[in-house]
Amino acid sequence: MLERVKKRINALIWGIESVNCAECGSRVSPARAIWSGRDAYCSIAHEFRDRDFVGRAAMASEAQDRTSVIRSAPAPVYRQAA
């Protein structure tokens, strides 16, 4: 019952019930997803792995700075199907 309510609230607020992680493809609630532009991720590690173009791991201070930026950024708004 509670799961059904969560899905309906997500659909009402976000326009969708769940999103897929851009890195691994797992289903994530839009409210719990880490948003980077239009891409959603299930964890910060997956967001870094997908965005790490140089091939090196992010430094701890960079990770903390990036996390605060991601958390403060507004999530994208999706149009609902008619």
PDB file of N, CA and C in Angstrom:
ATOM      1  N   MET A   1       0.826  -1.187   0.000  1.00  0.00           N
ATOM      2  CA  MET A   1       0.000   0.000   0.000  1.00  0.00           C
ATOM      3  C   MET A   1       0.874   1.257   0.000  1.00  0.00           C
ATOM      4  N   LEU A   2       1.869   1.296   0.890  1.00  0.00           N
ATOM      5  CA  LEU A   2       2.745   2.457   0.974  1.00  0.00           C
ATOM      6  C   LEU A   2       3.540   2.639  -0.321  1.00  0.00           C
ATOM      7  N   GLU A   3       3.963   1.539  -0.913  1.00  0.00           N
ATOM      8  CA  GLU A   3       4.717   1.605  -2.164  1.00  0.00           C
ATOM      9  C   GLU A   3       3.870   2.212  -3.282  1.00  0.00           C
ATOM     10  N   ARG A   4       2.606   1.859  -3.318  1.00  0.00           N
ATOM     11  CA  ARG A   4       1.687   2.411  -4.314  1.00  0.00           C
ATOM     12  C   ARG A   4       1.510   3.919  -4.121  1.00  0.00           C
ATOM     13  N   VAL A   5       1.419   4.334  -2.870  1.00  0.00           N
ATOM     14  CA  VAL A   5       1.281   5.761  -2.561  1.00  0.00           C
ATOM     15  C   VAL A   5       2.535   6.517  -2.995  1.00  0.00           C
ATOM     16  N   LYS A   6       3.721   5.959  -2.725  1.00  0.00           N
ATOM     17  CA  LYS A   6       4.971   6.592  -3.136  1.00  0.00           C
ATOM     18  C   LYS A   6       5.028   6.764  -4.650  1.00  0.00           C
ATOM     19  N   LYS A   7       4.610   5.733  -5.384  1.00  0.00           N
ATOM     20  CA  LYS A   7       4.628   5.811  -6.843  1.00  0.00           C
ATOM     21  C   LYS A   7       3.682   6.887  -7.350  1.00  0.00           C
ATOM     22  N   ARG A   8       2.516   6.988  -6.745  1.00  0.00           N
ATOM     23  CA  ARG A   8       1.551   8.010  -7.178  1.00  0.00           C
ATOM     24  C   ARG A   8       2.043   9.419  -6.859  1.00  0.00           C
ATOM     25  N   ILE A   9       2.683   9.580  -5.715  1.00  0.00           N
ATOM     26  CA  ILE A   9       3.223  10.895  -5.360  1.00  0.00           C
ATOM     27  C   ILE A   9       4.359  11.269  -6.307  1.00  0.00           C
ATOM     28  N   ASN A  10       5.243  10.312  -6.620  1.00  0.00           N
ATOM     29  CA  ASN A  10       6.312  10.579  -7.584  1.00  0.00           C
ATOM     30  C   ASN A  10       5.731  10.974  -8.936  1.00  0.00           C
ATOM     31  N   ALA A  11       4.694  10.269  -9.366  1.00  0.00           N
ATOM     32  CA  ALA A  11       4.064  10.588 -10.648  1.00  0.00           C
ATOM     33  C   ALA A  11       3.427  11.971 -10.609  1.00  0.00           C
ATOM     34  N   LEU A  12       2.862  12.334  -9.485  1.00  0.00           N
ATOM     35  CA  LEU A  12       2.217  13.638  -9.353  1.00  0.00           C
ATOM     36  C   LEU A  12       3.249  14.770  -9.345  1.00  0.00           C
ATOM     37  N   ILE A  13       4.314  14.614  -8.566  1.00  0.00           N
ATOM     38  CA  ILE A  13       5.316  15.672  -8.419  1.00  0.00           C
ATOM     39  C   ILE A  13       6.282  15.713  -9.600  1.00  0.00           C
ATOM     40  N   TRP A  14       6.846  14.566  -9.967  1.00  0.00           N
ATOM     41  CA  TRP A  14       7.897  14.503 -10.975  1.00  0.00           C
ATOM     42  C   TRP A  14       7.367  14.214 -12.379  1.00  0.00           C
ATOM     43  N   GLY A  15       6.155  13.691 -12.475  1.00  0.00           N
ATOM     44  CA  GLY A  15       5.615  13.334 -13.780  1.00  0.00           C
ATOM     45  C   GLY A  15       5.955  11.915 -14.198  1.00  0.00           C
ATOM     46  N   ILE A  16       6.784  11.222 -13.413  1.00  0.00           N
ATOM     47  CA  ILE A  16       7.167   9.838 -13.685  1.00  0.00           C
ATOM     48  C   ILE A  16       7.284   9.093 -12.362  1.00  0.00           C
ATOM     49  N   GLU A  17       7.101   7.767 -12.413  1.00  0.00           N
ATOM     50  CA  GLU A  17       7.182   6.969 -11.183  1.00  0.00           C
ATOM     51  C   GLU A  17       8.613   6.634 -10.802  1.00  0.00           C
ATOM     52  N   SER A  18       9.463   6.379 -11.796  1.00  0.00           N
ATOM     53  CA  SER A  18      10.857   6.048 -11.518  1.00  0.00           C
ATOM     54  C   SER A  18      11.716   6.415 -12.723  1.00  0.00           C
ATOM     55  N   VAL A  19      13.017   6.524 -12.478  1.00  0.00           N
ATOM     56  CA  VAL A  19      13.981   6.801 -13.540  1.00  0.00           C
ATOM     57  C   VAL A  19      15.029   5.701 -13.529  1.00  0.00           C
ATOM     58  N   ASN A  20      15.737   5.540 -14.633  1.00  0.00           N
ATOM     59  CA  ASN A  20      16.800   4.551 -14.723  1.00  0.00           C
ATOM     60  C   ASN A  20      18.149   5.240 -14.565  1.00  0.00           C
ATOM     61  N   CYS A  21      19.028   4.601 -13.814  1.00  0.00           N
ATOM     62  CA  CYS A  21      20.383   5.114 -13.633  1.00  0.00           C
ATOM     63  C   CYS A  21      21.092   5.105 -14.991  1.00  0.00           C
ATOM     64  N   ALA A  22      21.744   6.212 -15.348  1.00  0.00           N
ATOM     65  CA  ALA A  22      22.433   6.310 -16.632  1.00  0.00           C
ATOM     66  C   ALA A  22      23.648   5.389 -16.690  1.00  0.00           C
ATOM     67  N   GLU A  23      24.194   4.987 -15.562  1.00  0.00           N
ATOM     68  CA  GLU A  23      25.387   4.140 -15.527  1.00  0.00           C
ATOM     69  C   GLU A  23      25.041   2.655 -15.506  1.00  0.00           C
ATOM     70  N   CYS A  24      24.176   2.229 -14.581  1.00  0.00           N
ATOM     71  CA  CYS A  24      23.912   0.791 -14.423  1.00  0.00           C
ATOM     72  C   CYS A  24      22.516   0.376 -14.874  1.00  0.00           C
ATOM     73  N   GLY A  25      21.603   1.327 -15.051  1.00  0.00           N
ATOM     74  CA  GLY A  25      20.265   1.001 -15.536  1.00  0.00           C
ATOM     75  C   GLY A  25      19.269   0.599 -14.468  1.00  0.00           C
ATOM     76  N   SER A  26      19.651   0.642 -13.194  1.00  0.00           N
ATOM     77  CA  SER A  26      18.710   0.254 -12.142  1.00  0.00           C
ATOM     78  C   SER A  26      17.653   1.339 -11.960  1.00  0.00           C
ATOM     79  N   ARG A  27      16.476   0.928 -11.503  1.00  0.00           N
ATOM     80  CA  ARG A  27      15.365   1.862 -11.313  1.00  0.00           C
ATOM     81  C   ARG A  27      15.525   2.588  -9.981  1.00  0.00           C
ATOM     82  N   VAL A  28      15.323   3.913 -10.015  1.00  0.00           N
ATOM     83  CA  VAL A  28      15.492   4.763  -8.842  1.00  0.00           C
ATOM     84  C   VAL A  28      14.310   5.720  -8.768  1.00  0.00           C
ATOM     85  N   SER A  29      13.880   6.009  -7.558  1.00  0.00           N
ATOM     86  CA  SER A  29      12.852   7.021  -7.355  1.00  0.00           C
ATOM     87  C   SER A  29      13.412   8.378  -7.783  1.00  0.00           C
ATOM     88  N   PRO A  30      12.647   9.198  -8.487  1.00  0.00           N
ATOM     89  CA  PRO A  30      13.168  10.501  -8.917  1.00  0.00           C
ATOM     90  C   PRO A  30      13.586  11.394  -7.747  1.00  0.00           C
ATOM     91  N   ALA A  31      12.946  11.240  -6.601  1.00  0.00           N
ATOM     92  CA  ALA A  31      13.302  12.044  -5.439  1.00  0.00           C
ATOM     93  C   ALA A  31      14.646  11.621  -4.850  1.00  0.00           C
ATOM     94  N   ARG A  32      15.028  10.365  -4.990  1.00  0.00           N
ATOM     95  CA  ARG A  32      16.291   9.861  -4.434  1.00  0.00           C
ATOM     96  C   ARG A  32      17.426   9.843  -5.453  1.00  0.00           C
ATOM     97  N   ALA A  33      17.134  10.108  -6.703  1.00  0.00           N
ATOM     98  CA  ALA A  33      18.152  10.063  -7.752  1.00  0.00           C
ATOM     99  C   ALA A  33      19.106  11.244  -7.624  1.00  0.00           C
ATOM    100  N   ILE A  34      20.347  11.041  -8.051  1.00  0.00           N
ATOM    101  CA  ILE A  34      21.341  12.104  -8.136  1.00  0.00           C
ATOM    102  C   ILE A  34      21.240  12.639  -9.562  1.00  0.00           C
ATOM    103  N   TRP A  35      20.867  13.902  -9.715  1.00  0.00           N
ATOM    104  CA  TRP A  35      20.657  14.473 -11.041  1.00  0.00           C
ATOM    105  C   TRP A  35      21.896  15.230 -11.497  1.00  0.00           C
ATOM    106  N   SER A  36      22.298  14.996 -12.730  1.00  0.00           N
ATOM    107  CA  SER A  36      23.386  15.733 -13.362  1.00  0.00           C
ATOM    108  C   SER A  36      22.903  16.100 -14.759  1.00  0.00           C
ATOM    109  N   GLY A  37      22.429  17.321 -14.897  1.00  0.00           N
ATOM    110  CA  GLY A  37      21.805  17.710 -16.161  1.00  0.00           C
ATOM    111  C   GLY A  37      20.504  16.953 -16.321  1.00  0.00           C
ATOM    112  N   ARG A  38      20.345  16.265 -17.438  1.00  0.00           N
ATOM    113  CA  ARG A  38      19.137  15.475 -17.669  1.00  0.00           C
ATOM    114  C   ARG A  38      19.326  14.018 -17.264  1.00  0.00           C
ATOM    115  N   ASP A  39      20.538  13.640 -16.849  1.00  0.00           N
ATOM    116  CA  ASP A  39      20.831  12.256 -16.469  1.00  0.00           C
ATOM    117  C   ASP A  39      20.578  12.044 -14.986  1.00  0.00           C
ATOM    118  N   ALA A  40      20.037  10.878 -14.657  1.00  0.00           N
ATOM    119  CA  ALA A  40      19.802  10.497 -13.262  1.00  0.00           C
ATOM    120  C   ALA A  40      20.724   9.331 -12.920  1.00  0.00           C
ATOM    121  N   TYR A  41      21.228   9.330 -11.691  1.00  0.00           N
ATOM    122  CA  TYR A  41      22.120   8.270 -11.227  1.00  0.00           C
ATOM    123  C   TYR A  41      21.623   7.749  -9.892  1.00  0.00           C
ATOM    124  N   CYS A  42      21.912   6.468  -9.608  1.00  0.00           N
ATOM    125  CA  CYS A  42      21.479   5.881  -8.345  1.00  0.00           C
ATOM    126  C   CYS A  42      22.446   6.214  -7.210  1.00  0.00           C
ATOM    127  N   SER A  43      23.673   6.606  -7.531  1.00  0.00           N
ATOM    128  CA  SER A  43      24.642   6.959  -6.492  1.00  0.00           C
ATOM    129  C   SER A  43      25.630   7.986  -7.036  1.00  0.00           C
ATOM    130  N   ILE A  44      26.318   8.647  -6.128  1.00  0.00           N
ATOM    131  CA  ILE A  44      27.322   9.628  -6.534  1.00  0.00           C
ATOM    132  C   ILE A  44      28.486   8.930  -7.227  1.00  0.00           C
ATOM    133  N   ALA A  45      28.809   7.717  -6.784  1.00  0.00           N
ATOM    134  CA  ALA A  45      29.899   6.969  -7.410  1.00  0.00           C
ATOM    135  C   ALA A  45      29.607   6.710  -8.884  1.00  0.00           C
ATOM    136  N   HIS A  46      28.364   6.372  -9.213  1.00  0.00           N
ATOM    137  CA  HIS A  46      28.010   6.138 -10.613  1.00  0.00           C
ATOM    138  C   HIS A  46      28.058   7.435 -11.411  1.00  0.00           C
ATOM    139  N   GLU A  47      27.663   8.537 -10.804  1.00  0.00           N
ATOM    140  CA  GLU A  47      27.725   9.825 -11.497  1.00  0.00           C
ATOM    141  C   GLU A  47      29.171  10.187 -11.802  1.00  0.00           C
ATOM    142  N   PHE A  48      30.079   9.983 -10.842  1.00  0.00           N
ATOM    143  CA  PHE A  48      31.494  10.266 -11.076  1.00  0.00           C
ATOM    144  C   PHE A  48      32.087   9.336 -12.120  1.00  0.00           C
ATOM    145  N   ARG A  49      31.735   8.061 -12.062  1.00  0.00           N
ATOM    146  CA  ARG A  49      32.278   7.098 -13.014  1.00  0.00           C
ATOM    147  C   ARG A  49      31.856   7.453 -14.437  1.00  0.00           C
ATOM    148  N   ASP A  50      30.619   7.899 -14.600  1.00  0.00           N
ATOM    149  CA  ASP A  50      30.121   8.243 -15.925  1.00  0.00           C
ATOM    150  C   ASP A  50      30.709   9.560 -16.414  1.00  0.00           C
ATOM    151  N   ARG A  51      30.994  10.495 -15.520  1.00  0.00           N
ATOM    152  CA  ARG A  51      31.486  11.822 -15.897  1.00  0.00           C
ATOM    153  C   ARG A  51      33.005  11.942 -15.864  1.00  0.00           C
ATOM    154  N   ASP A  52      33.710  10.904 -15.448  1.00  0.00           N
ATOM    155  CA  ASP A  52      35.166  10.960 -15.331  1.00  0.00           C
ATOM    156  C   ASP A  52      35.790  10.732 -16.707  1.00  0.00           C
ATOM    157  N   PHE A  53      36.002  11.807 -17.470  1.00  0.00           N
ATOM    158  CA  PHE A  53      36.506  11.693 -18.832  1.00  0.00           C
ATOM    159  C   PHE A  53      38.011  11.475 -18.879  1.00  0.00           C
ATOM    160  N   VAL A  54      38.732  11.842 -17.822  1.00  0.00           N
ATOM    161  CA  VAL A  54      40.181  11.743 -17.806  1.00  0.00           C
ATOM    162  C   VAL A  54      40.638  10.324 -17.484  1.00  0.00           C
ATOM    163  N   GLY A  55      39.804   9.536 -16.822  1.00  0.00           N
ATOM    164  CA  GLY A  55      40.176   8.177 -16.474  1.00  0.00           C
ATOM    165  C   GLY A  55      40.807   8.065 -15.102  1.00  0.00           C
ATOM    166  N   ARG A  56      40.633   9.066 -14.274  1.00  0.00           N
ATOM    167  CA  ARG A  56      41.189   9.008 -12.924  1.00  0.00           C
ATOM    168  C   ARG A  56      40.057   9.170 -11.921  1.00  0.00           C
ATOM    169  N   ALA A  57      40.273   8.711 -10.723  1.00  0.00           N
ATOM    170  CA  ALA A  57      39.261   8.849  -9.671  1.00  0.00           C
ATOM    171  C   ALA A  57      39.248  10.290  -9.166  1.00  0.00           C
ATOM    172  N   ALA A  58      38.091  10.760  -8.786  1.00  0.00           N
ATOM    173  CA  ALA A  58      37.969  12.128  -8.275  1.00  0.00           C
ATOM    174  C   ALA A  58      38.608  12.225  -6.892  1.00  0.00           C
ATOM    175  N   MET A  59      39.222  13.353  -6.618  1.00  0.00           N
ATOM    176  CA  MET A  59      39.806  13.582  -5.308  1.00  0.00           C
ATOM    177  C   MET A  59      38.684  13.769  -4.291  1.00  0.00           C
ATOM    178  N   ALA A  60      38.967  13.533  -3.015  1.00  0.00           N
ATOM    179  CA  ALA A  60      37.943  13.629  -1.972  1.00  0.00           C
ATOM    180  C   ALA A  60      37.356  15.037  -1.896  1.00  0.00           C
ATOM    181  N   SER A  61      38.198  16.064  -1.987  1.00  0.00           N
ATOM    182  CA  SER A  61      37.683  17.435  -1.916  1.00  0.00           C
ATOM    183  C   SER A  61      36.820  17.754  -3.128  1.00  0.00           C
ATOM    184  N   GLU A  62      37.211  17.263  -4.309  1.00  0.00           N
ATOM    185  CA  GLU A  62      36.397  17.459  -5.508  1.00  0.00           C
ATOM    186  C   GLU A  62      35.059  16.757  -5.361  1.00  0.00           C
ATOM    187  N   ALA A  63      35.084  15.569  -4.785  1.00  0.00           N
ATOM    188  CA  ALA A  63      33.844  14.811  -4.598  1.00  0.00           C
ATOM    189  C   ALA A  63      32.908  15.547  -3.650  1.00  0.00           C
ATOM    190  N   GLN A  64      33.440  16.099  -2.583  1.00  0.00           N
ATOM    191  CA  GLN A  64      32.604  16.827  -1.633  1.00  0.00           C
ATOM    192  C   GLN A  64      32.040  18.098  -2.260  1.00  0.00           C
ATOM    193  N   ASP A  65      32.863  18.823  -3.016  1.00  0.00           N
ATOM    194  CA  ASP A  65      32.385  20.038  -3.685  1.00  0.00           C
ATOM    195  C   ASP A  65      31.304  19.701  -4.700  1.00  0.00           C
ATOM    196  N   ARG A  66      31.516  18.649  -5.472  1.00  0.00           N
ATOM    197  CA  ARG A  66      30.557  18.241  -6.505  1.00  0.00           C
ATOM    198  C   ARG A  66      29.251  17.780  -5.866  1.00  0.00           C
ATOM    199  N   THR A  67      29.341  17.093  -4.727  1.00  0.00           N
ATOM    200  CA  THR A  67      28.150  16.617  -4.035  1.00  0.00           C
ATOM    201  C   THR A  67      27.289  17.785  -3.584  1.00  0.00           C
ATOM    202  N   SER A  68      27.897  18.822  -3.038  1.00  0.00           N
ATOM    203  CA  SER A  68      27.114  19.968  -2.580  1.00  0.00           C
ATOM    204  C   SER A  68      26.451  20.678  -3.753  1.00  0.00           C
ATOM    205  N   VAL A  69      27.117  20.727  -4.908  1.00  0.00           N
ATOM    206  CA  VAL A  69      26.527  21.352  -6.091  1.00  0.00           C
ATOM    207  C   VAL A  69      25.356  20.526  -6.589  1.00  0.00           C
ATOM    208  N   ILE A  70      25.510  19.203  -6.619  1.00  0.00           N
ATOM    209  CA  ILE A  70      24.445  18.324  -7.105  1.00  0.00           C
ATOM    210  C   ILE A  70      23.232  18.412  -6.192  1.00  0.00           C
ATOM    211  N   ARG A  71      23.438  18.392  -4.892  1.00  0.00           N
ATOM    212  CA  ARG A  71      22.324  18.419  -3.944  1.00  0.00           C
ATOM    213  C   ARG A  71      21.557  19.742  -4.003  1.00  0.00           C
ATOM    214  N   SER A  72      22.251  20.840  -4.298  1.00  0.00           N
ATOM    215  CA  SER A  72      21.582  22.133  -4.305  1.00  0.00           C
ATOM    216  C   SER A  72      20.939  22.458  -5.648  1.00  0.00           C
ATOM    217  N   ALA A  73      21.289  21.726  -6.706  1.00  0.00           N
ATOM    218  CA  ALA A  73      20.730  22.003  -8.029  1.00  0.00           C
ATOM    219  C   ALA A  73      19.299  21.484  -8.118  1.00  0.00           C
ATOM    220  N   PRO A  74      18.424  22.237  -8.757  1.00  0.00           N
ATOM    221  CA  PRO A  74      17.040  21.766  -8.909  1.00  0.00           C
ATOM    222  C   PRO A  74      16.965  20.628  -9.920  1.00  0.00           C
ATOM    223  N   ALA A  75      16.058  19.725  -9.695  1.00  0.00           N
ATOM    224  CA  ALA A  75      15.866  18.600 -10.603  1.00  0.00           C
ATOM    225  C   ALA A  75      15.082  19.062 -11.828  1.00  0.00           C
ATOM    226  N   PRO A  76      15.283  18.411 -12.970  1.00  0.00           N
ATOM    227  CA  PRO A  76      14.559  18.808 -14.176  1.00  0.00           C
ATOM    228  C   PRO A  76      13.068  18.508 -14.066  1.00  0.00           C
ATOM    229  N   VAL A  77      12.285  19.260 -14.806  1.00  0.00           N
ATOM    230  CA  VAL A  77      10.837  19.072 -14.817  1.00  0.00           C
ATOM    231  C   VAL A  77      10.464  18.357 -16.103  1.00  0.00           C
ATOM    232  N   TYR A  78       9.689  17.302 -15.991  1.00  0.00           N
ATOM    233  CA  TYR A  78       9.254  16.539 -17.148  1.00  0.00           C
ATOM    234  C   TYR A  78       7.794  16.824 -17.443  1.00  0.00           C
ATOM    235  N   ARG A  79       7.464  16.890 -18.705  1.00  0.00           N
ATOM    236  CA  ARG A  79       6.075  17.074 -19.095  1.00  0.00           C
ATOM    237  C   ARG A  79       5.325  15.771 -18.928  1.00  0.00           C
ATOM    238  N   GLN A  80       4.077  15.868 -18.514  1.00  0.00           N
ATOM    239  CA  GLN A  80       3.256  14.676 -18.364  1.00  0.00           C
ATOM    240  C   GLN A  80       2.611  14.349 -19.697  1.00  0.00           C
ATOM    241  N   ALA A  81       2.463  13.056 -19.952  1.00  0.00           N
ATOM    242  CA  ALA A  81       1.804  12.623 -21.183  1.00  0.00           C
ATOM    243  C   ALA A  81       0.333  13.006 -21.130  1.00  0.00           C
ATOM    244  N   ALA A  82      -0.194  13.409 -22.250  1.00  0.00           N
ATOM    245  CA  ALA A  82      -1.603  13.832 -22.293  1.00  0.00           C
ATOM    246  C   ALA A  82      -2.536  12.647 -22.297  1.00  0.00           C
TER     247      ALA A  82
END
